[in-house]
Amino acid sequence: MGIKFKILAPFMFLSLTTTIAQTVVSGTVMDEKINAPLPGASIIEKGTTNETISDFDGNFSLKITGESGEIEISYLRYTTITLSFDGDSDLGTISLSTKKKKKKKKKRH
């Protein structure tokens, strides 16, 4: 074995274990009422800056930094939800509902 191999071997092993240790969370983000995909929904690993967005069909896949935790799913004018995961997880269909507008009370004179 050459000296280069002895020097590079530990680094190659570390990069391999880092790749293996990553957890993947996936799912499909849909509108609850009309059962339509929500492209561009934001999916973020809670407490980090690790995020992705859903594709045209509402599908997403996010490599997570730990083994378990929570992801937060949000979309403009929809209620944000938080889901827990443990290990590689296919969360299936995730339905978001629109935020209800608050009705203004009329003042009586």
N, C-alpha and C. Protein backbone atom coordinates (compact mmCIF):
# COMPACT_ATOMS: atom_id res chain seq x y z
N MET A 1 0.84 -1.18 0.00
CA MET A 1 0.00 0.00 0.00
C MET A 1 0.88 1.24 0.00
N GLY A 2 0.46 2.19 -0.82
CA GLY A 2 1.23 3.42 -0.90
C GLY A 2 0.88 4.37 0.24
N ILE A 3 1.74 5.33 0.40
CA ILE A 3 1.53 6.32 1.47
C ILE A 3 0.29 7.16 1.21
N LYS A 4 -0.03 7.41 -0.07
CA LYS A 4 -1.23 8.19 -0.40
C LYS A 4 -2.48 7.47 0.08
N PHE A 5 -2.54 6.14 -0.11
CA PHE A 5 -3.70 5.38 0.32
C PHE A 5 -3.86 5.45 1.83
N LYS A 6 -2.78 5.34 2.56
CA LYS A 6 -2.84 5.39 4.02
C LYS A 6 -3.34 6.74 4.52
N ILE A 7 -3.02 7.77 3.79
CA ILE A 7 -3.45 9.11 4.18
C ILE A 7 -4.92 9.34 3.78
N LEU A 8 -5.31 8.90 2.59
CA LEU A 8 -6.65 9.16 2.08
C LEU A 8 -7.71 8.19 2.60
N ALA A 9 -7.36 7.00 3.00
CA ALA A 9 -8.32 5.99 3.43
C ALA A 9 -9.25 6.47 4.55
N PRO A 10 -8.73 7.08 5.62
CA PRO A 10 -9.65 7.54 6.68
C PRO A 10 -10.67 8.57 6.19
N PHE A 11 -10.27 9.46 5.29
CA PHE A 11 -11.18 10.47 4.77
C PHE A 11 -12.26 9.84 3.88
N MET A 12 -11.89 8.84 3.09
CA MET A 12 -12.85 8.15 2.26
C MET A 12 -13.87 7.42 3.14
N PHE A 13 -13.43 6.80 4.21
CA PHE A 13 -14.32 6.10 5.13
C PHE A 13 -15.28 7.07 5.81
N LEU A 14 -14.79 8.24 6.25
CA LEU A 14 -15.65 9.24 6.88
C LEU A 14 -16.72 9.74 5.93
N SER A 15 -16.39 10.00 4.69
CA SER A 15 -17.38 10.49 3.73
C SER A 15 -18.41 9.41 3.43
N LEU A 16 -18.02 8.15 3.43
CA LEU A 16 -18.94 7.06 3.21
C LEU A 16 -19.92 6.92 4.37
N THR A 17 -19.46 7.01 5.60
CA THR A 17 -20.35 6.88 6.75
C THR A 17 -21.29 8.07 6.87
N THR A 18 -20.85 9.24 6.48
CA THR A 18 -21.72 10.42 6.49
C THR A 18 -22.86 10.24 5.50
N THR A 19 -22.58 9.71 4.33
CA THR A 19 -23.60 9.48 3.33
C THR A 19 -24.59 8.43 3.80
N ILE A 20 -24.13 7.37 4.41
CA ILE A 20 -24.99 6.29 4.87
C ILE A 20 -25.90 6.75 6.00
N ALA A 21 -25.43 7.62 6.87
CA ALA A 21 -26.15 8.01 8.07
C ALA A 21 -27.32 8.97 7.81
N GLN A 22 -27.46 9.49 6.61
CA GLN A 22 -28.52 10.46 6.35
C GLN A 22 -29.89 9.80 6.29
N THR A 23 -30.86 10.47 6.86
CA THR A 23 -32.25 10.03 6.87
C THR A 23 -33.00 10.79 5.79
N VAL A 24 -33.94 10.13 5.12
CA VAL A 24 -34.72 10.78 4.08
C VAL A 24 -36.20 10.75 4.48
N VAL A 25 -36.83 11.93 4.44
CA VAL A 25 -38.26 12.07 4.71
C VAL A 25 -38.91 12.52 3.41
N SER A 26 -40.01 11.87 3.04
CA SER A 26 -40.68 12.21 1.78
C SER A 26 -42.19 12.20 1.98
N GLY A 27 -42.89 12.72 0.98
CA GLY A 27 -44.34 12.75 1.04
C GLY A 27 -44.90 13.56 -0.12
N THR A 28 -46.21 13.78 -0.08
CA THR A 28 -46.90 14.56 -1.10
C THR A 28 -47.81 15.57 -0.41
N VAL A 29 -47.66 16.84 -0.77
CA VAL A 29 -48.45 17.91 -0.16
C VAL A 29 -49.64 18.22 -1.06
N MET A 30 -50.86 18.14 -0.46
CA MET A 30 -52.10 18.32 -1.22
C MET A 30 -53.02 19.33 -0.56
N ASP A 31 -53.90 19.94 -1.37
CA ASP A 31 -54.96 20.80 -0.86
C ASP A 31 -56.05 19.89 -0.30
N GLU A 32 -56.46 20.14 0.93
CA GLU A 32 -57.44 19.30 1.61
C GLU A 32 -58.81 19.29 0.93
N LYS A 33 -59.28 20.46 0.47
CA LYS A 33 -60.63 20.56 -0.10
C LYS A 33 -60.75 19.94 -1.48
N ILE A 34 -59.85 20.30 -2.38
CA ILE A 34 -60.00 19.88 -3.77
C ILE A 34 -59.07 18.72 -4.15
N ASN A 35 -58.31 18.23 -3.19
CA ASN A 35 -57.42 17.09 -3.39
C ASN A 35 -56.48 17.32 -4.58
N ALA A 36 -55.89 18.52 -4.64
CA ALA A 36 -54.96 18.87 -5.71
C ALA A 36 -53.57 19.07 -5.11
N PRO A 37 -52.52 18.75 -5.88
CA PRO A 37 -51.16 18.94 -5.37
C PRO A 37 -50.85 20.41 -5.15
N LEU A 38 -49.96 20.67 -4.19
CA LEU A 38 -49.50 22.04 -3.91
C LEU A 38 -48.02 22.16 -4.27
N PRO A 39 -47.73 22.55 -5.53
CA PRO A 39 -46.33 22.72 -5.92
C PRO A 39 -45.74 23.95 -5.25
N GLY A 40 -44.50 23.85 -4.81
CA GLY A 40 -43.83 24.99 -4.18
C GLY A 40 -44.07 25.11 -2.70
N ALA A 41 -44.67 24.09 -2.08
CA ALA A 41 -44.84 24.11 -0.62
C ALA A 41 -43.45 24.01 0.03
N SER A 42 -43.28 24.70 1.13
CA SER A 42 -41.99 24.71 1.83
C SER A 42 -41.97 23.62 2.89
N ILE A 43 -40.92 22.81 2.86
CA ILE A 43 -40.72 21.74 3.84
C ILE A 43 -39.37 22.00 4.50
N ILE A 44 -39.37 22.22 5.81
CA ILE A 44 -38.14 22.56 6.52
C ILE A 44 -37.96 21.65 7.73
N GLU A 45 -36.73 21.22 7.95
CA GLU A 45 -36.40 20.45 9.15
C GLU A 45 -36.39 21.45 10.31
N LYS A 46 -37.28 21.25 11.25
CA LYS A 46 -37.46 22.20 12.34
C LYS A 46 -36.15 22.40 13.11
N GLY A 47 -35.83 23.66 13.40
CA GLY A 47 -34.63 24.00 14.15
C GLY A 47 -33.37 24.08 13.30
N THR A 48 -33.53 23.97 11.96
CA THR A 48 -32.39 24.05 11.05
C THR A 48 -32.73 24.97 9.88
N THR A 49 -31.78 25.11 8.98
CA THR A 49 -32.05 25.83 7.72
C THR A 49 -32.16 24.82 6.57
N ASN A 50 -32.24 23.54 6.89
CA ASN A 50 -32.35 22.47 5.92
C ASN A 50 -33.77 22.43 5.39
N GLU A 51 -33.95 22.71 4.10
CA GLU A 51 -35.29 22.76 3.55
C GLU A 51 -35.33 22.37 2.09
N THR A 52 -36.54 22.13 1.62
CA THR A 52 -36.78 21.86 0.21
C THR A 52 -38.18 22.37 -0.13
N ILE A 53 -38.56 22.28 -1.40
CA ILE A 53 -39.92 22.63 -1.80
C ILE A 53 -40.52 21.46 -2.57
N SER A 54 -41.84 21.37 -2.56
CA SER A 54 -42.52 20.30 -3.30
C SER A 54 -42.48 20.59 -4.80
N ASP A 55 -42.45 19.51 -5.58
CA ASP A 55 -42.40 19.67 -7.04
C ASP A 55 -43.80 19.93 -7.61
N PHE A 56 -43.93 19.91 -8.92
CA PHE A 56 -45.18 20.22 -9.61
C PHE A 56 -46.33 19.32 -9.15
N ASP A 57 -46.02 18.08 -8.78
CA ASP A 57 -47.04 17.13 -8.33
C ASP A 57 -47.21 17.10 -6.81
N GLY A 58 -46.57 18.04 -6.11
CA GLY A 58 -46.67 18.11 -4.65
C GLY A 58 -45.72 17.19 -3.91
N ASN A 59 -44.88 16.45 -4.64
CA ASN A 59 -43.95 15.50 -4.02
C ASN A 59 -42.70 16.20 -3.49
N PHE A 60 -42.16 15.67 -2.40
CA PHE A 60 -40.90 16.18 -1.87
C PHE A 60 -40.10 15.05 -1.26
N SER A 61 -38.79 15.28 -1.16
CA SER A 61 -37.86 14.38 -0.50
C SER A 61 -36.80 15.25 0.15
N LEU A 62 -36.59 15.07 1.44
CA LEU A 62 -35.66 15.92 2.18
C LEU A 62 -34.68 15.05 2.95
N LYS A 63 -33.37 15.26 2.71
CA LYS A 63 -32.34 14.56 3.49
C LYS A 63 -32.22 15.28 4.83
N ILE A 64 -32.40 14.53 5.89
CA ILE A 64 -32.42 15.07 7.25
C ILE A 64 -31.06 14.88 7.91
N THR A 65 -30.69 15.81 8.77
CA THR A 65 -29.39 15.75 9.42
C THR A 65 -29.32 14.75 10.57
N GLY A 66 -30.46 14.38 11.16
CA GLY A 66 -30.47 13.45 12.29
C GLY A 66 -31.30 12.22 12.00
N GLU A 67 -31.49 11.40 13.01
CA GLU A 67 -32.28 10.17 12.88
C GLU A 67 -33.77 10.42 13.05
N SER A 68 -34.11 11.41 13.86
CA SER A 68 -35.52 11.70 14.11
C SER A 68 -35.67 13.20 14.36
N GLY A 69 -36.92 13.66 14.35
CA GLY A 69 -37.16 15.07 14.58
C GLY A 69 -38.52 15.48 14.05
N GLU A 70 -38.61 16.73 13.62
CA GLU A 70 -39.86 17.26 13.10
C GLU A 70 -39.60 18.06 11.83
N ILE A 71 -40.58 18.02 10.94
CA ILE A 71 -40.54 18.90 9.77
C ILE A 71 -41.77 19.79 9.82
N GLU A 72 -41.61 20.97 9.25
CA GLU A 72 -42.69 21.94 9.20
C GLU A 72 -43.04 22.16 7.74
N ILE A 73 -44.33 22.05 7.42
CA ILE A 73 -44.79 22.19 6.04
C ILE A 73 -45.69 23.42 5.95
N SER A 74 -45.34 24.33 5.04
CA SER A 74 -46.14 25.55 4.91
C SER A 74 -46.34 25.90 3.44
N TYR A 75 -47.42 26.65 3.22
CA TYR A 75 -47.78 27.11 1.88
C TYR A 75 -48.58 28.38 2.07
N LEU A 76 -48.35 29.35 1.21
CA LEU A 76 -48.99 30.65 1.33
C LEU A 76 -50.51 30.51 1.45
N ARG A 77 -51.08 31.13 2.47
CA ARG A 77 -52.52 31.16 2.77
C ARG A 77 -53.08 29.81 3.23
N TYR A 78 -52.19 28.91 3.62
CA TYR A 78 -52.60 27.62 4.19
C TYR A 78 -52.07 27.53 5.61
N THR A 79 -52.70 26.69 6.42
CA THR A 79 -52.26 26.49 7.79
C THR A 79 -50.97 25.67 7.79
N THR A 80 -49.95 26.13 8.50
CA THR A 80 -48.68 25.43 8.63
C THR A 80 -48.86 24.24 9.58
N ILE A 81 -48.30 23.09 9.20
CA ILE A 81 -48.37 21.93 10.08
C ILE A 81 -46.98 21.42 10.41
N THR A 82 -46.85 20.76 11.56
CA THR A 82 -45.60 20.15 11.99
C THR A 82 -45.83 18.66 12.16
N LEU A 83 -44.94 17.86 11.56
CA LEU A 83 -45.03 16.40 11.63
C LEU A 83 -43.74 15.82 12.19
N SER A 84 -43.86 14.79 13.00
CA SER A 84 -42.70 14.08 13.55
C SER A 84 -42.30 12.94 12.63
N PHE A 85 -41.01 12.59 12.66
CA PHE A 85 -40.52 11.44 11.90
C PHE A 85 -39.47 10.72 12.74
N ASP A 86 -39.27 9.44 12.45
CA ASP A 86 -38.27 8.65 13.13
C ASP A 86 -37.64 7.73 12.09
N GLY A 87 -36.43 8.06 11.67
CA GLY A 87 -35.77 7.29 10.62
C GLY A 87 -36.33 7.65 9.26
N ASP A 88 -35.92 6.89 8.24
CA ASP A 88 -36.45 7.11 6.90
C ASP A 88 -37.96 7.01 6.96
N SER A 89 -38.65 8.01 6.43
CA SER A 89 -40.11 8.04 6.55
C SER A 89 -40.75 8.53 5.27
N ASP A 90 -41.74 7.76 4.80
CA ASP A 90 -42.62 8.24 3.75
C ASP A 90 -43.89 8.66 4.47
N LEU A 91 -44.12 9.95 4.55
CA LEU A 91 -45.26 10.48 5.29
C LEU A 91 -46.57 10.38 4.50
N GLY A 92 -46.49 9.90 3.27
CA GLY A 92 -47.70 9.74 2.45
C GLY A 92 -48.27 11.08 2.04
N THR A 93 -49.60 11.14 1.95
CA THR A 93 -50.28 12.37 1.55
C THR A 93 -50.48 13.27 2.77
N ILE A 94 -50.04 14.50 2.64
CA ILE A 94 -50.16 15.49 3.71
C ILE A 94 -51.13 16.56 3.20
N SER A 95 -52.28 16.66 3.84
CA SER A 95 -53.31 17.60 3.40
C SER A 95 -53.24 18.90 4.19
N LEU A 96 -53.14 20.01 3.48
CA LEU A 96 -53.15 21.33 4.10
C LEU A 96 -54.50 21.99 3.85
N SER A 97 -54.97 22.73 4.84
CA SER A 97 -56.23 23.46 4.68
C SER A 97 -55.95 24.96 4.64
N THR A 98 -56.83 25.66 3.95
CA THR A 98 -56.67 27.10 3.84
C THR A 98 -56.99 27.76 5.16
N LYS A 99 -56.35 28.90 5.38
CA LYS A 99 -56.62 29.68 6.59
C LYS A 99 -57.96 30.38 6.41
N LYS A 100 -58.75 30.37 7.44
CA LYS A 100 -60.04 31.06 7.38
C LYS A 100 -59.83 32.53 7.71
N LYS A 101 -60.47 33.38 6.92
CA LYS A 101 -60.39 34.82 7.16
C LYS A 101 -61.25 35.16 8.36
N LYS A 102 -60.73 36.05 9.18
CA LYS A 102 -61.51 36.51 10.33
C LYS A 102 -62.52 37.53 9.85
N LYS A 103 -63.75 37.35 10.31
CA LYS A 103 -64.80 38.29 9.92
C LYS A 103 -64.70 39.53 10.83
N LYS A 104 -64.80 40.66 10.19
CA LYS A 104 -64.76 41.90 10.95
C LYS A 104 -66.13 42.16 11.57
N LYS A 105 -66.12 42.52 12.81
CA LYS A 105 -67.37 42.84 13.49
C LYS A 105 -67.79 44.26 13.13
N LYS A 106 -69.05 44.40 12.85
CA LYS A 106 -69.57 45.72 12.53
C LYS A 106 -69.83 46.46 13.83
N LYS A 107 -69.42 47.71 13.84
CA LYS A 107 -69.65 48.53 15.03
C LYS A 107 -71.05 49.11 14.95
N ARG A 108 -71.73 49.05 16.06
CA ARG A 108 -73.07 49.62 16.12
C ARG A 108 -72.97 51.00 16.78
N HIS A 109 -73.67 51.91 16.24
CA HIS A 109 -73.63 53.27 16.77
C HIS A 109 -74.85 53.56 17.58
